[in-house]
Amino acid sequence: MLHRSICWFRRDLRFHDHAALYHALTQSRAVYCVFVFDTDILEVLVEKQDRRVEFIWLSLQDLQQRLQQHGSTLHVMHGKARKLIPELALGLNVEAVFCNHDYEPTAIDRDAVVEQELLRHGIAFHHYKDQVIFERSEILTGTGGPFRVFTPYKNTWLKRLSDAHLRAYPTEDYISALAPGVPEPMPDLESMGFEKTNLVTLDLPTGETGAAKLFAEFMGRMPGYHESRNFPALKGVSCLSTHLRFGTISIRQLASHAWYGGGTGAAIWLGELIWREFYQMLLFHHPQLGSGQSYKLQFNTLPFPNDVWKFDAWRNAATGFPLIDAAMRQLNQTGYMHNRLRMLAASFLVKDLHVDWRWGERYFSQQLLDFDLAANNGGWQWSASTGCDGQPWFRIFNPITQSARFDSKGEFIRSYLPELANCPEKWIHAPWLMPVHEQQKCGIVIGKDYPHPVIDHATARIKTLAMYQAAQRQA
């Protein structure tokens, strides 16, 4: 039994069902809980009004309150984690540091540095699987390699799943091992160089408490998930992606409800959780994906024109295609975009505007509250047809027909594009086709109140097919 240890929280900001915390509590007499606002991560962020930093900050307050209820505290520091964790471990005279795996390449490098420094001082470094059900090389093909296609991966994943994989870690049973401590002031956003955002005005409660509230509400909607998930005007999705990203809720808790709940809705939602692990597995086996390389090398150097004005029109929600612009408004205003719209917006940037998918991937990485390197990269490469098991390159979403299919009455469009509020349903998906007298009648003059479309989809489609076909021939 260890005398003292540290549990280092990272993307697992909860007390319940926490692998590293459980192992620390069961192996130690006194466990100190620690979080570091890592400047190696923060300094890369472009905007100083970053909702993710504020989400973490508020979620840490929730975690702090839980620990205080048990007479302990959360040590929150600001600086380079690779330096601060070893220093704190020495200062507290601990014998081990416990944490959960982080699979991103930069995190793996950071943890290797921390482990080496700890071992140099005789301090153990224990790390555990926590944010996924199956990690790294646990799900492999029959020949021992990583899967290249999702469906066989999913089928193997489901065959391997057992009750043990979904069992919660009973951290509450060992709270007596928490090191006693008085509340410590957390660094505020301003002292770390950040500003408050509009996060508190959004319908997104934070912390473990907020996650539990959202999940309880989604459980009632899960049976109909398969029917409602593709329609952005409906509340059909779980709204848990940010909480899953920062670990304010356990993946085991989510997967177990989906697995044991049964029904089509639960099965489809579980499939989405498996997609997340598929992309995590891919990034682990192919870390070059995180540095901008296409999975399909024949498409690595597609000759995108990369017209800056088109990219600006896309990111500023001024393309003239209502559903695309509404999606980008949602992203810019809330830090969230409906998953169906992520596919459409990505496809439109790459295959209609002919802008490199890496530009879009980078913009999403700056804006998304639920940004996850593996999922974001996987989603963009899927849409751009450059990724593993991606959309076929010759399949190109039509932004008008997709709009009519998934927002038939234009409810989502109008909610984010109030300038089109009075647009008749007949024209809402392609308002530039509206006759002049209709424009005057509803008070929407195209080119003045709402922009003309920046491209012609049919023409752009022909150019895209030719570009991909040429790359395919040269491979």
Protein backbone atom coordinates (compact mmCIF):
# COMPACT_ATOMS: atom_id res chain seq x y z
CA MET A 1 0.00 0.00 0.00
CA LEU A 2 1.35 3.41 -1.01
CA HIS A 3 1.46 6.20 1.56
CA ARG A 4 0.80 9.10 -0.83
CA SER A 5 -0.04 9.39 -4.51
CA ILE A 6 -1.35 11.88 -7.06
CA CYS A 7 -4.31 11.40 -9.37
CA TRP A 8 -3.68 13.65 -12.37
CA PHE A 9 -6.93 14.64 -14.07
CA ARG A 10 -6.79 15.53 -17.78
CA ARG A 11 -9.72 14.79 -20.10
CA ASP A 12 -11.61 12.93 -17.36
CA LEU A 13 -13.12 15.69 -15.19
CA ARG A 14 -15.40 13.62 -12.98
CA PHE A 15 -15.38 11.68 -9.72
CA HIS A 16 -17.71 8.80 -10.60
CA ASP A 17 -16.43 5.75 -12.54
CA HIS A 18 -12.89 7.07 -13.01
CA ALA A 19 -10.27 4.39 -13.70
CA ALA A 20 -7.13 6.19 -12.52
CA LEU A 21 -8.82 7.63 -9.45
CA TYR A 22 -10.16 4.20 -8.49
CA HIS A 23 -6.71 2.61 -8.76
CA ALA A 24 -5.11 5.45 -6.85
CA LEU A 25 -7.69 5.27 -4.05
CA THR A 26 -7.44 1.48 -3.70
CA GLN A 27 -3.64 1.49 -3.66
CA SER A 28 -2.92 4.55 -1.51
CA ARG A 29 -3.58 5.87 1.96
CA ALA A 30 -3.75 9.47 0.75
CA VAL A 31 -4.57 10.61 -2.80
CA TYR A 32 -4.04 14.20 -3.97
CA CYS A 33 -6.21 15.25 -6.91
CA VAL A 34 -4.54 17.56 -9.43
CA PHE A 35 -5.35 19.35 -12.69
CA VAL A 36 -2.99 21.48 -14.79
CA PHE A 37 -4.05 24.16 -17.25
CA ASP A 38 -1.22 23.17 -19.54
CA THR A 39 0.35 26.16 -21.27
CA ASP A 40 1.78 23.88 -23.94
CA ILE A 41 -1.86 23.45 -25.00
CA LEU A 42 -3.24 26.88 -24.13
CA GLU A 43 -0.57 28.86 -25.96
CA VAL A 44 -1.55 27.21 -29.25
CA LEU A 45 -5.15 28.43 -29.01
CA VAL A 46 -5.85 31.26 -31.42
CA GLU A 47 -8.79 32.93 -29.69
CA LYS A 48 -8.59 34.15 -26.13
CA GLN A 49 -12.35 33.86 -25.87
CA ASP A 50 -12.30 30.07 -26.04
CA ARG A 51 -15.41 28.23 -24.84
CA ARG A 52 -13.41 25.06 -24.21
CA VAL A 53 -11.17 26.71 -21.63
CA GLU A 54 -14.21 28.13 -19.88
CA PHE A 55 -16.00 24.77 -20.02
CA ILE A 56 -13.01 23.12 -18.34
CA TRP A 57 -12.80 25.94 -15.79
CA LEU A 58 -16.48 25.61 -14.82
CA SER A 59 -16.30 21.80 -14.81
CA LEU A 60 -13.33 21.91 -12.46
CA GLN A 61 -15.41 23.96 -10.04
CA ASP A 62 -18.00 21.19 -10.08
CA LEU A 63 -15.29 18.59 -9.41
CA GLN A 64 -13.83 20.75 -6.67
CA GLN A 65 -17.20 20.90 -4.91
CA ARG A 66 -17.49 17.11 -4.99
CA LEU A 67 -14.05 16.67 -3.47
CA GLN A 68 -14.75 19.32 -0.81
CA GLN A 69 -17.86 17.40 0.23
CA HIS A 70 -15.48 14.60 1.19
CA GLY A 71 -13.02 16.86 3.00
CA SER A 72 -10.51 16.95 0.17
CA THR A 73 -9.60 19.46 -2.53
CA LEU A 74 -8.50 19.80 -6.14
CA HIS A 75 -5.07 21.31 -6.77
CA VAL A 76 -5.41 23.40 -9.95
CA MET A 77 -2.21 24.74 -11.48
CA HIS A 78 -1.30 26.78 -14.55
CA GLY A 79 1.92 26.12 -16.44
CA LYS A 80 3.74 23.36 -18.29
CA ALA A 81 2.36 20.02 -17.09
CA ARG A 82 5.57 18.20 -18.02
CA LYS A 83 7.35 20.40 -15.49
CA LEU A 84 4.69 20.96 -12.82
CA ILE A 85 3.60 17.35 -12.26
CA PRO A 86 7.11 16.07 -11.38
CA GLU A 87 7.69 19.14 -9.20
CA LEU A 88 4.43 18.64 -7.32
CA ALA A 89 5.10 14.93 -6.91
CA LEU A 90 8.44 15.76 -5.28
CA GLY A 91 6.92 18.52 -3.17
CA LEU A 92 4.18 16.28 -1.82
CA ASN A 93 6.61 13.39 -1.38
CA VAL A 94 4.35 10.95 -3.24
CA GLU A 95 5.34 7.50 -4.35
CA ALA A 96 3.25 7.36 -7.55
CA VAL A 97 1.29 9.40 -10.05
CA PHE A 98 -1.90 7.90 -11.50
CA CYS A 99 -3.62 9.08 -14.68
CA ASN A 100 -5.68 7.86 -17.61
CA HIS A 101 -4.41 7.34 -21.14
CA ASP A 102 -4.50 10.19 -23.63
CA TYR A 103 -4.07 9.04 -27.21
CA GLU A 104 -3.16 12.22 -29.07
CA PRO A 105 0.45 12.34 -30.33
CA THR A 106 1.43 15.45 -28.35
CA ALA A 107 -0.11 14.01 -25.18
CA ILE A 108 1.81 10.76 -25.64
CA ASP A 109 5.05 12.77 -25.95
CA ARG A 110 4.19 14.80 -22.84
CA ASP A 111 3.45 11.72 -20.77
CA ALA A 112 6.71 10.10 -21.83
CA VAL A 113 8.63 13.15 -20.55
CA VAL A 114 6.70 13.17 -17.26
CA GLU A 115 7.20 9.44 -16.74
CA GLN A 116 10.93 9.68 -17.39
CA GLU A 117 11.34 12.55 -14.92
CA LEU A 118 9.27 10.79 -12.25
CA LEU A 119 11.19 7.53 -12.62
CA ARG A 120 14.43 9.49 -12.28
CA HIS A 121 13.30 10.31 -8.75
CA GLY A 122 11.97 6.85 -7.98
CA ILE A 123 8.31 7.81 -8.42
CA ALA A 124 6.07 5.38 -10.28
CA PHE A 125 3.83 6.45 -13.16
CA HIS A 126 0.64 4.38 -13.53
CA HIS A 127 -1.78 4.96 -16.39
CA TYR A 128 -5.03 3.28 -17.37
CA LYS A 129 -7.62 2.94 -20.11
CA ASP A 130 -10.60 5.14 -19.35
CA GLN A 131 -11.97 7.24 -22.23
CA VAL A 132 -12.73 4.30 -24.55
CA ILE A 133 -14.05 0.76 -24.20
CA PHE A 134 -11.37 -0.70 -26.48
CA GLU A 135 -8.11 1.10 -27.11
CA ARG A 136 -5.01 1.02 -29.28
CA SER A 137 -4.52 -2.57 -30.47
CA GLU A 138 -7.31 -4.31 -28.57
CA ILE A 139 -9.45 -4.63 -31.71
CA LEU A 140 -7.41 -5.96 -34.63
CA THR A 141 -8.03 -7.87 -37.84
CA GLY A 142 -7.52 -11.60 -38.09
CA THR A 143 -4.00 -10.95 -39.39
CA GLY A 144 -3.14 -8.74 -36.43
CA GLY A 145 -3.29 -5.35 -38.11
CA PRO A 146 -5.52 -2.30 -37.60
CA PHE A 147 -8.88 -2.30 -39.37
CA ARG A 148 -9.28 -0.18 -42.49
CA VAL A 149 -13.06 -0.44 -42.77
CA PHE A 150 -15.51 0.54 -40.05
CA THR A 151 -18.17 -2.18 -40.30
CA PRO A 152 -15.81 -5.16 -39.68
CA TYR A 153 -14.25 -3.16 -36.83
CA LYS A 154 -17.69 -2.54 -35.34
CA ASN A 155 -18.70 -6.19 -35.65
CA THR A 156 -15.49 -7.33 -33.92
CA TRP A 157 -15.97 -4.64 -31.26
CA LEU A 158 -19.47 -5.89 -30.50
CA LYS A 159 -18.36 -9.55 -30.39
CA ARG A 160 -15.61 -8.70 -27.91
CA LEU A 161 -17.85 -6.65 -25.64
CA SER A 162 -18.62 -8.17 -22.25
CA ASP A 163 -20.13 -7.08 -18.95
CA ALA A 164 -16.63 -6.53 -17.57
CA HIS A 165 -15.90 -3.86 -20.18
CA LEU A 166 -18.93 -1.87 -19.06
CA ARG A 167 -18.54 -2.26 -15.31
CA ALA A 168 -18.13 1.02 -13.45
CA TYR A 169 -15.18 1.71 -11.18
CA PRO A 170 -16.72 2.19 -7.69
CA THR A 171 -14.70 5.26 -6.68
CA GLU A 172 -17.34 6.28 -4.13
CA ASP A 173 -16.53 3.21 -2.03
CA TYR A 174 -12.99 4.45 -1.33
CA ILE A 175 -13.41 8.16 -0.64
CA SER A 176 -11.71 7.77 2.74
CA ALA A 177 -8.40 7.55 0.87
CA LEU A 178 -8.71 11.10 -0.46
CA ALA A 179 -6.04 13.33 1.04
CA PRO A 180 -7.59 15.92 3.36
CA GLY A 181 -7.29 19.49 2.20
CA VAL A 182 -8.86 22.93 2.44
CA PRO A 183 -10.26 24.61 -0.69
CA GLU A 184 -7.61 26.26 -2.83
CA PRO A 185 -8.34 29.19 -5.17
CA MET A 186 -8.32 28.25 -8.84
CA PRO A 187 -6.52 30.48 -11.33
CA ASP A 188 -9.16 32.62 -13.03
CA LEU A 189 -9.54 32.90 -16.78
CA GLU A 190 -8.06 36.40 -16.90
CA SER A 191 -4.88 35.39 -15.08
CA MET A 192 -4.37 32.67 -17.70
CA GLY A 193 -4.84 35.14 -20.54
CA PHE A 194 -8.41 34.20 -21.46
CA GLU A 195 -11.76 35.95 -21.37
CA LYS A 196 -15.26 34.80 -20.57
CA THR A 197 -17.39 33.69 -23.51
CA ASN A 198 -21.11 33.25 -24.13
CA LEU A 199 -20.92 29.70 -22.73
CA VAL A 200 -23.22 30.37 -19.77
CA THR A 201 -25.95 31.58 -22.14
CA LEU A 202 -25.91 28.33 -24.12
CA ASP A 203 -28.06 25.33 -23.29
CA LEU A 204 -25.05 23.33 -22.10
CA PRO A 205 -24.71 22.69 -18.36
CA THR A 206 -21.13 21.99 -17.35
CA GLY A 207 -19.30 19.53 -15.13
CA GLU A 208 -20.28 16.07 -13.99
CA THR A 209 -23.55 17.49 -12.65
CA GLY A 210 -24.42 18.97 -16.03
CA ALA A 211 -23.50 15.79 -17.86
CA ALA A 212 -25.76 13.72 -15.61
CA LYS A 213 -28.63 16.11 -16.26
CA LEU A 214 -28.21 15.93 -20.03
CA PHE A 215 -27.86 12.16 -20.05
CA ALA A 216 -30.97 11.66 -17.93
CA GLU A 217 -32.90 13.77 -20.43
CA PHE A 218 -31.46 11.93 -23.45
CA MET A 219 -32.35 8.50 -22.06
CA GLY A 220 -35.99 9.32 -22.68
CA ARG A 221 -35.22 10.22 -26.31
CA MET A 222 -32.74 7.42 -27.05
CA PRO A 223 -35.38 4.98 -28.40
CA GLY A 224 -36.14 7.41 -31.23
CA TYR A 225 -32.55 8.42 -31.90
CA HIS A 226 -32.39 6.63 -35.25
CA GLU A 227 -35.42 8.56 -36.51
CA SER A 228 -34.53 12.04 -35.31
CA ARG A 229 -30.72 12.25 -35.33
CA ASN A 230 -30.41 13.56 -38.91
CA PHE A 231 -32.75 16.52 -38.56
CA PRO A 232 -31.01 19.57 -37.07
CA ALA A 233 -34.26 21.38 -36.25
CA LEU A 234 -35.16 18.55 -33.85
CA LYS A 235 -33.54 17.74 -30.54
CA GLY A 236 -32.60 14.29 -31.72
CA VAL A 237 -28.97 13.93 -30.68
CA SER A 238 -27.61 13.34 -27.19
CA CYS A 239 -25.93 16.78 -26.75
CA LEU A 240 -23.24 14.92 -24.78
CA SER A 241 -20.30 15.26 -27.19
CA THR A 242 -18.55 18.01 -25.19
CA HIS A 243 -19.02 16.09 -21.95
CA LEU A 244 -17.64 12.95 -23.53
CA ARG A 245 -14.69 14.95 -24.88
CA PHE A 246 -13.73 16.27 -21.45
CA GLY A 247 -14.72 13.17 -19.55
CA THR A 248 -17.37 14.71 -17.34
CA ILE A 249 -19.29 11.51 -18.01
CA SER A 250 -17.96 7.97 -18.34
CA ILE A 251 -17.93 6.17 -21.68
CA ARG A 252 -18.78 2.98 -19.78
CA GLN A 253 -21.94 4.59 -18.43
CA LEU A 254 -23.02 5.69 -21.91
CA ALA A 255 -22.15 2.45 -23.68
CA SER A 256 -23.79 0.27 -21.03
CA HIS A 257 -27.11 2.11 -21.31
CA ALA A 258 -27.01 1.77 -25.08
CA TRP A 259 -25.97 -1.90 -24.96
CA TYR A 260 -28.42 -3.05 -22.30
CA GLY A 261 -31.21 -0.69 -23.37
CA GLY A 262 -31.83 -2.47 -26.64
CA GLY A 263 -33.87 -1.19 -29.54
CA THR A 264 -32.88 0.41 -32.84
CA GLY A 265 -32.26 3.88 -31.43
CA ALA A 266 -29.88 2.62 -28.77
CA ALA A 267 -28.06 0.40 -31.28
CA ILE A 268 -27.53 3.26 -33.73
CA TRP A 269 -26.28 5.52 -30.94
CA LEU A 270 -23.88 2.82 -29.74
CA GLY A 271 -22.63 2.66 -33.32
CA GLU A 272 -21.75 6.37 -33.10
CA LEU A 273 -19.74 5.70 -29.94
CA ILE A 274 -17.93 2.91 -31.80
CA TRP A 275 -17.11 5.29 -34.67
CA ARG A 276 -15.39 7.47 -32.06
CA GLU A 277 -13.20 4.55 -31.00
CA PHE A 278 -12.52 3.59 -34.62
CA TYR A 279 -11.02 7.04 -35.20
CA GLN A 280 -9.05 6.85 -31.94
CA MET A 281 -7.61 3.51 -33.06
CA LEU A 282 -6.69 4.93 -36.47
CA LEU A 283 -4.85 7.90 -34.98
CA PHE A 284 -2.90 5.63 -32.66
CA HIS A 285 -1.74 3.38 -35.49
CA HIS A 286 -1.31 6.22 -37.97
CA PRO A 287 -0.13 9.27 -35.97
CA GLN A 288 0.81 11.04 -39.22
CA LEU A 289 -2.92 11.66 -39.74
CA GLY A 290 -2.75 14.22 -36.94
CA SER A 291 -0.09 16.12 -38.88
CA GLY A 292 -2.13 16.68 -42.02
CA GLN A 293 -1.41 13.56 -44.07
CA SER A 294 -4.22 11.93 -45.98
CA TYR A 295 -4.87 8.28 -45.20
CA LYS A 296 -5.22 7.64 -48.94
CA LEU A 297 -1.88 8.87 -50.20
CA GLN A 298 -3.11 9.23 -53.80
CA PHE A 299 -5.20 12.16 -52.56
CA ASN A 300 -2.51 13.71 -50.37
CA THR A 301 -1.65 16.43 -52.87
CA LEU A 302 -4.92 17.16 -54.63
CA PRO A 303 -4.47 20.46 -56.50
CA PHE A 304 -7.02 22.53 -54.59
CA PRO A 305 -7.16 26.15 -55.86
CA ASN A 306 -7.75 27.27 -52.26
CA ASP A 307 -9.38 30.59 -53.11
CA VAL A 308 -9.22 32.54 -49.87
CA TRP A 309 -12.40 34.48 -50.63
CA LYS A 310 -14.35 31.23 -50.93
CA PHE A 311 -12.98 29.97 -47.63
CA ASP A 312 -13.89 33.29 -46.01
CA ALA A 313 -17.41 33.06 -47.41
CA TRP A 314 -17.70 29.56 -45.93
CA ARG A 315 -16.41 30.39 -42.46
CA ASN A 316 -18.38 33.65 -42.32
CA ALA A 317 -21.66 31.94 -43.31
CA ALA A 318 -21.95 33.88 -46.56
CA THR A 319 -21.96 31.18 -49.27
CA GLY A 320 -25.53 31.85 -50.41
CA PHE A 321 -26.54 28.26 -49.63
CA PRO A 322 -28.89 28.56 -46.62
CA LEU A 323 -28.32 25.23 -44.87
CA ILE A 324 -24.54 25.57 -45.16
CA ASP A 325 -24.64 29.15 -43.86
CA ALA A 326 -27.00 28.21 -41.01
CA ALA A 327 -24.64 25.40 -40.01
CA MET A 328 -21.68 27.78 -39.94
CA ARG A 329 -23.67 30.31 -37.91
CA GLN A 330 -24.47 27.58 -35.41
CA LEU A 331 -20.78 26.74 -35.14
CA ASN A 332 -19.61 30.34 -34.82
CA GLN A 333 -22.28 31.31 -32.30
CA THR A 334 -22.33 28.21 -30.11
CA GLY A 335 -19.17 26.16 -30.71
CA TYR A 336 -21.36 23.26 -31.80
CA MET A 337 -22.56 21.92 -35.14
CA HIS A 338 -25.06 19.14 -35.72
CA ASN A 339 -23.29 16.02 -36.98
CA ARG A 340 -25.26 15.77 -40.24
CA LEU A 341 -24.35 19.39 -40.94
CA ARG A 342 -20.67 18.74 -40.22
CA MET A 343 -20.65 16.29 -43.10
CA LEU A 344 -22.49 18.69 -45.40
CA ALA A 345 -20.38 21.73 -44.48
CA ALA A 346 -17.16 19.76 -44.91
CA SER A 347 -18.19 18.26 -48.23
CA PHE A 348 -19.27 21.68 -49.48
CA LEU A 349 -15.94 23.31 -48.59
CA VAL A 350 -13.90 20.59 -50.29
CA LYS A 351 -16.04 19.46 -53.23
CA ASP A 352 -17.94 22.64 -54.06
CA LEU A 353 -15.54 25.41 -53.05
CA HIS A 354 -12.41 23.35 -53.78
CA VAL A 355 -10.62 24.31 -50.59
CA ASP A 356 -8.21 21.84 -48.98
CA TRP A 357 -9.88 19.79 -46.25
CA ARG A 358 -7.03 20.70 -43.90
CA TRP A 359 -8.21 24.33 -43.89
CA GLY A 360 -11.63 23.23 -42.69
CA GLU A 361 -10.20 20.77 -40.20
CA ARG A 362 -8.11 23.56 -38.69
CA TYR A 363 -11.07 25.96 -38.51
CA PHE A 364 -13.24 23.36 -36.78
CA SER A 365 -10.39 22.65 -34.35
CA GLN A 366 -10.48 26.31 -33.33
CA GLN A 367 -14.26 26.58 -33.01
CA LEU A 368 -15.67 23.25 -31.81
CA LEU A 369 -16.43 22.93 -28.11
CA ASP A 370 -16.27 19.15 -28.48
CA PHE A 371 -13.08 19.23 -30.57
CA ASP A 372 -11.31 15.90 -30.55
CA LEU A 373 -8.30 15.47 -32.83
CA ALA A 374 -9.11 11.89 -33.87
CA ALA A 375 -12.82 12.47 -34.50
CA ASN A 376 -12.33 15.82 -36.24
CA ASN A 377 -9.61 14.47 -38.51
CA GLY A 378 -11.59 11.32 -39.20
CA GLY A 379 -14.72 13.28 -40.04
CA TRP A 380 -12.97 15.68 -42.38
CA GLN A 381 -11.08 12.95 -44.19
CA TRP A 382 -14.31 10.94 -44.50
CA SER A 383 -16.08 13.91 -46.11
CA ALA A 384 -13.09 14.73 -48.34
CA SER A 385 -12.82 11.05 -49.44
CA THR A 386 -9.16 11.06 -48.41
CA GLY A 387 -9.63 8.99 -45.26
CA CYS A 388 -9.96 5.42 -44.12
CA ASP A 389 -13.36 4.06 -45.14
CA GLY A 390 -14.32 7.55 -46.29
CA GLN A 391 -17.14 8.63 -48.53
CA PRO A 392 -16.44 7.55 -52.15
CA TRP A 393 -14.77 10.43 -53.99
CA PHE A 394 -17.42 10.44 -56.69
CA ARG A 395 -20.21 10.91 -54.14
CA ILE A 396 -20.83 14.62 -53.76
CA PHE A 397 -23.61 15.99 -51.57
CA ASN A 398 -25.99 18.36 -53.33
CA PRO A 399 -26.48 21.21 -50.81
CA ILE A 400 -29.97 22.01 -52.13
CA THR A 401 -31.44 18.51 -52.07
CA GLN A 402 -29.77 17.79 -48.72
CA SER A 403 -31.35 20.94 -47.34
CA ALA A 404 -34.79 19.95 -48.60
CA ARG A 405 -34.37 16.46 -47.18
CA PHE A 406 -33.13 17.26 -43.69
CA ASP A 407 -34.68 20.70 -43.05
CA SER A 408 -37.70 20.46 -45.30
CA LYS A 409 -39.63 23.37 -43.80
CA GLY A 410 -36.53 25.50 -43.27
CA GLU A 411 -36.97 25.63 -39.50
CA PHE A 412 -33.28 25.22 -38.73
CA ILE A 413 -32.33 27.66 -41.49
CA ARG A 414 -34.62 30.37 -40.15
CA SER A 415 -33.42 29.86 -36.57
CA TYR A 416 -29.87 30.84 -37.56
CA LEU A 417 -30.54 33.03 -40.60
CA PRO A 418 -33.19 35.50 -39.42
CA GLU A 419 -32.67 37.44 -42.66
CA LEU A 420 -34.52 34.57 -44.34
CA ALA A 421 -37.31 34.42 -41.76
CA ASN A 422 -39.93 35.59 -44.25
CA CYS A 423 -38.69 33.45 -47.12
CA PRO A 424 -41.48 31.18 -48.41
CA GLU A 425 -40.93 27.47 -47.84
CA LYS A 426 -40.90 26.95 -51.61
CA TRP A 427 -37.69 29.00 -51.97
CA ILE A 428 -35.97 28.56 -48.62
CA HIS A 429 -33.44 26.02 -49.88
CA ALA A 430 -32.43 28.00 -52.98
CA PRO A 431 -33.59 31.60 -52.45
CA TRP A 432 -31.67 32.90 -55.48
CA LEU A 433 -34.24 31.15 -57.67
CA MET A 434 -37.03 33.25 -56.17
CA PRO A 435 -38.55 35.63 -58.75
CA VAL A 436 -37.87 39.32 -58.21
CA HIS A 437 -41.50 40.08 -57.39
CA GLU A 438 -41.45 37.33 -54.73
CA GLN A 439 -38.25 38.80 -53.28
CA GLN A 440 -39.86 42.21 -53.04
CA LYS A 441 -43.02 40.74 -51.58
CA CYS A 442 -41.23 39.00 -48.69
CA GLY A 443 -38.58 41.70 -48.25
CA ILE A 444 -35.56 39.60 -49.14
CA VAL A 445 -33.50 40.94 -52.00
CA ILE A 446 -30.85 38.43 -53.04
CA GLY A 447 -27.49 40.12 -53.26
CA LYS A 448 -28.53 42.70 -50.66
CA ASP A 449 -30.27 41.00 -47.75
CA TYR A 450 -28.77 37.58 -48.44
CA PRO A 451 -25.86 36.76 -50.76
CA HIS A 452 -25.97 35.20 -54.18
CA PRO A 453 -24.51 31.65 -54.22
CA VAL A 454 -20.73 31.78 -54.50
CA ILE A 455 -20.61 28.84 -56.92
CA ASP A 456 -22.79 26.76 -59.21
CA HIS A 457 -23.02 23.30 -57.70
CA ALA A 458 -23.31 21.43 -61.01
CA THR A 459 -20.22 23.14 -62.43
CA ALA A 460 -18.23 22.62 -59.21
CA ARG A 461 -19.19 18.95 -59.19
CA ILE A 462 -17.73 18.38 -62.67
CA LYS A 463 -14.46 20.02 -61.63
CA THR A 464 -14.28 17.91 -58.46
CA LEU A 465 -14.81 14.64 -60.31
CA ALA A 466 -12.08 15.53 -62.79
CA MET A 467 -9.63 16.45 -60.02
CA TYR A 468 -10.15 13.24 -58.04
CA GLN A 469 -10.22 11.08 -61.14
CA ALA A 470 -6.86 12.47 -62.28
CA ALA A 471 -5.34 11.76 -58.87
CA GLN A 472 -6.77 8.25 -58.92
CA ARG A 473 -5.24 7.55 -62.33
CA GLN A 474 -1.80 8.75 -61.23
CA ALA A 475 -1.80 6.54 -58.13
